[in-house]
Amino acid sequence: MELVGCDVFVYSENGTMPDVPKQIGPLRLELMSNRGTKVWPATAARLDYFADEWRCRFTSEGDKPVKRGEVDAVVRAIMETGKPWTRIQALHLAKDGSRAFSSPY
């Protein structure tokens, strides 16, 4: 399986969407969600009833393989924003090249 990105779960109080970098090395922010609802890029979702943990999905362009150190760079960049991360999920491709992780949509 090839590593192509990561989901970083970020804690941000009071339903405030965390301000995270949109591009870190070869990994770009694909989406942000809260309790399973996609909220970035902008949607019509109401943000005032959401939890304090946000999923930030970073993937490589065209799902090209990345190195573990590039995922580490994403975590370091998020830490530099002052928002704590709570967990990280590596995102891989299956042997047939399809995404072996949930669809964001």
C-alpha atoms as a PDB file:
ATOM      1  CA  MET A   1       0.000   0.000   0.000  1.00  0.00           C
ATOM      2  CA  GLU A   2       1.206   3.485  -0.855  1.00  0.00           C
ATOM      3  CA  LEU A   3       0.997   6.387   1.608  1.00  0.00           C
ATOM      4  CA  VAL A   4      -0.749   9.341  -0.089  1.00  0.00           C
ATOM      5  CA  GLY A   5      -1.798  11.585   2.788  1.00  0.00           C
ATOM      6  CA  CYS A   6      -3.207  11.869   6.276  1.00  0.00           C
ATOM      7  CA  ASP A   7      -6.202  12.924   8.296  1.00  0.00           C
ATOM      8  CA  VAL A   8      -5.125  15.104  11.211  1.00  0.00           C
ATOM      9  CA  PHE A   9      -7.769  15.703  13.854  1.00  0.00           C
ATOM     10  CA  VAL A  10      -7.325  19.170  15.339  1.00  0.00           C
ATOM     11  CA  TYR A  11      -8.868  20.541  18.534  1.00  0.00           C
ATOM     12  CA  SER A  12     -10.359  24.026  18.294  1.00  0.00           C
ATOM     13  CA  GLU A  13     -12.674  25.411  20.987  1.00  0.00           C
ATOM     14  CA  ASN A  14     -16.136  26.924  20.688  1.00  0.00           C
ATOM     15  CA  GLY A  15     -16.925  25.505  17.251  1.00  0.00           C
ATOM     16  CA  THR A  16     -14.254  27.692  15.671  1.00  0.00           C
ATOM     17  CA  MET A  17     -12.767  26.193  12.524  1.00  0.00           C
ATOM     18  CA  PRO A  18      -8.978  25.965  12.948  1.00  0.00           C
ATOM     19  CA  ASP A  19      -6.835  27.999  10.585  1.00  0.00           C
ATOM     20  CA  VAL A  20      -4.428  25.408   9.178  1.00  0.00           C
ATOM     21  CA  PRO A  21      -2.016  25.750   6.236  1.00  0.00           C
ATOM     22  CA  LYS A  22      -3.579  24.845   2.890  1.00  0.00           C
ATOM     23  CA  GLN A  23      -0.358  23.367   1.407  1.00  0.00           C
ATOM     24  CA  ILE A  24       2.569  21.727   3.192  1.00  0.00           C
ATOM     25  CA  GLY A  25       5.182  20.323   0.856  1.00  0.00           C
ATOM     26  CA  PRO A  26       3.478  17.928  -1.578  1.00  0.00           C
ATOM     27  CA  LEU A  27       0.383  17.630   0.630  1.00  0.00           C
ATOM     28  CA  ARG A  28      -2.573  19.981   0.224  1.00  0.00           C
ATOM     29  CA  LEU A  29      -5.632  20.445   2.384  1.00  0.00           C
ATOM     30  CA  GLU A  30      -8.391  18.572   0.558  1.00  0.00           C
ATOM     31  CA  LEU A  31     -11.173  19.139   3.074  1.00  0.00           C
ATOM     32  CA  MET A  32     -12.133  19.826   6.651  1.00  0.00           C
ATOM     33  CA  SER A  33     -15.039  18.133   8.362  1.00  0.00           C
ATOM     34  CA  ASN A  34     -16.686  18.211  11.739  1.00  0.00           C
ATOM     35  CA  ARG A  35     -18.717  15.277  13.052  1.00  0.00           C
ATOM     36  CA  GLY A  36     -18.843  13.846   9.525  1.00  0.00           C
ATOM     37  CA  THR A  37     -20.051  17.055   7.860  1.00  0.00           C
ATOM     38  CA  LYS A  38     -17.779  18.646   5.276  1.00  0.00           C
ATOM     39  CA  VAL A  39     -17.301  22.319   6.166  1.00  0.00           C
ATOM     40  CA  TRP A  40     -14.316  23.329   3.986  1.00  0.00           C
ATOM     41  CA  PRO A  41     -14.198  24.137   1.143  1.00  0.00           C
ATOM     42  CA  ALA A  42     -17.181  26.303   2.010  1.00  0.00           C
ATOM     43  CA  THR A  43     -20.561  24.624   2.272  1.00  0.00           C
ATOM     44  CA  ALA A  44     -23.961  25.695   3.527  1.00  0.00           C
ATOM     45  CA  ALA A  45     -23.458  23.677   6.729  1.00  0.00           C
ATOM     46  CA  ARG A  46     -24.236  25.510   9.961  1.00  0.00           C
ATOM     47  CA  LEU A  47     -21.190  25.686  12.191  1.00  0.00           C
ATOM     48  CA  ASP A  48     -22.751  26.757  15.478  1.00  0.00           C
ATOM     49  CA  TYR A  49     -23.689  23.266  16.725  1.00  0.00           C
ATOM     50  CA  PHE A  50     -20.452  21.471  15.981  1.00  0.00           C
ATOM     51  CA  ALA A  51     -17.928  19.664  18.178  1.00  0.00           C
ATOM     52  CA  ASP A  52     -14.442  20.945  18.993  1.00  0.00           C
ATOM     53  CA  GLU A  53     -12.575  18.314  16.934  1.00  0.00           C
ATOM     54  CA  TRP A  54     -12.016  18.927  13.226  1.00  0.00           C
ATOM     55  CA  ARG A  55     -10.741  16.449  10.637  1.00  0.00           C
ATOM     56  CA  CYS A  56      -8.229  18.045   8.283  1.00  0.00           C
ATOM     57  CA  ARG A  57      -7.534  15.808   5.268  1.00  0.00           C
ATOM     58  CA  PHE A  58      -4.237  16.360   3.483  1.00  0.00           C
ATOM     59  CA  THR A  59      -3.568  14.438   0.257  1.00  0.00           C
ATOM     60  CA  SER A  60      -0.973  14.538  -2.497  1.00  0.00           C
ATOM     61  CA  GLU A  61      -1.806  15.765  -5.994  1.00  0.00           C
ATOM     62  CA  GLY A  62      -3.149  12.836  -7.988  1.00  0.00           C
ATOM     63  CA  ASP A  63      -2.666  10.539  -4.983  1.00  0.00           C
ATOM     64  CA  LYS A  64       1.071  10.291  -5.669  1.00  0.00           C
ATOM     65  CA  PRO A  65       3.029   8.433  -2.978  1.00  0.00           C
ATOM     66  CA  VAL A  66       4.609  10.529  -0.219  1.00  0.00           C
ATOM     67  CA  LYS A  67       7.163   9.789   2.479  1.00  0.00           C
ATOM     68  CA  ARG A  68       6.353   9.463   6.176  1.00  0.00           C
ATOM     69  CA  GLY A  69       8.474  12.565   6.835  1.00  0.00           C
ATOM     70  CA  GLU A  70       6.118  14.606   4.648  1.00  0.00           C
ATOM     71  CA  VAL A  71       3.204  13.580   6.872  1.00  0.00           C
ATOM     72  CA  ASP A  72       5.338  14.521   9.890  1.00  0.00           C
ATOM     73  CA  ALA A  73       5.798  17.986   8.317  1.00  0.00           C
ATOM     74  CA  VAL A  74       2.000  18.413   8.205  1.00  0.00           C
ATOM     75  CA  VAL A  75       1.751  17.638  11.918  1.00  0.00           C
ATOM     76  CA  ARG A  76       4.599  20.053  12.729  1.00  0.00           C
ATOM     77  CA  ALA A  77       2.940  22.811  10.668  1.00  0.00           C
ATOM     78  CA  ILE A  78      -0.346  22.305  12.513  1.00  0.00           C
ATOM     79  CA  MET A  79       1.441  22.407  15.855  1.00  0.00           C
ATOM     80  CA  GLU A  80       2.949  25.756  14.829  1.00  0.00           C
ATOM     81  CA  THR A  81      -0.587  27.197  14.523  1.00  0.00           C
ATOM     82  CA  GLY A  82      -1.024  26.676  18.265  1.00  0.00           C
ATOM     83  CA  LYS A  83      -3.923  24.263  17.802  1.00  0.00           C
ATOM     84  CA  PRO A  84      -3.362  20.843  19.373  1.00  0.00           C
ATOM     85  CA  TRP A  85      -3.868  17.732  17.280  1.00  0.00           C
ATOM     86  CA  THR A  86      -5.648  14.781  18.872  1.00  0.00           C
ATOM     87  CA  ARG A  87      -4.906  11.954  16.412  1.00  0.00           C
ATOM     88  CA  ILE A  88      -3.506  11.177  12.990  1.00  0.00           C
ATOM     89  CA  GLN A  89      -4.737   8.654  10.432  1.00  0.00           C
ATOM     90  CA  ALA A  90      -2.452   7.646   7.561  1.00  0.00           C
ATOM     91  CA  LEU A  91      -4.173   7.450   4.169  1.00  0.00           C
ATOM     92  CA  HIS A  92      -3.122   4.695   1.765  1.00  0.00           C
ATOM     93  CA  LEU A  93      -3.965   3.399  -1.670  1.00  0.00           C
ATOM     94  CA  ALA A  94      -5.059  -0.217  -2.012  1.00  0.00           C
ATOM     95  CA  LYS A  95      -3.076  -2.631  -4.181  1.00  0.00           C
ATOM     96  CA  ASP A  96      -5.357  -1.863  -7.143  1.00  0.00           C
ATOM     97  CA  GLY A  97      -4.626   1.893  -6.837  1.00  0.00           C
ATOM     98  CA  SER A  98      -8.012   2.838  -5.379  1.00  0.00           C
ATOM     99  CA  ARG A  99      -8.277   4.863  -2.196  1.00  0.00           C
ATOM    100  CA  ALA A 100      -8.289   2.573   0.851  1.00  0.00           C
ATOM    101  CA  PHE A 101      -9.952   5.251   2.985  1.00  0.00           C
ATOM    102  CA  SER A 102     -13.391   6.823   3.181  1.00  0.00           C
ATOM    103  CA  SER A 103     -14.623   9.237   0.562  1.00  0.00           C
ATOM    104  CA  PRO A 104     -14.958  12.782   1.878  1.00  0.00           C
ATOM    105  CA  TYR A 105     -18.178  13.430  -0.028  1.00  0.00           C
END
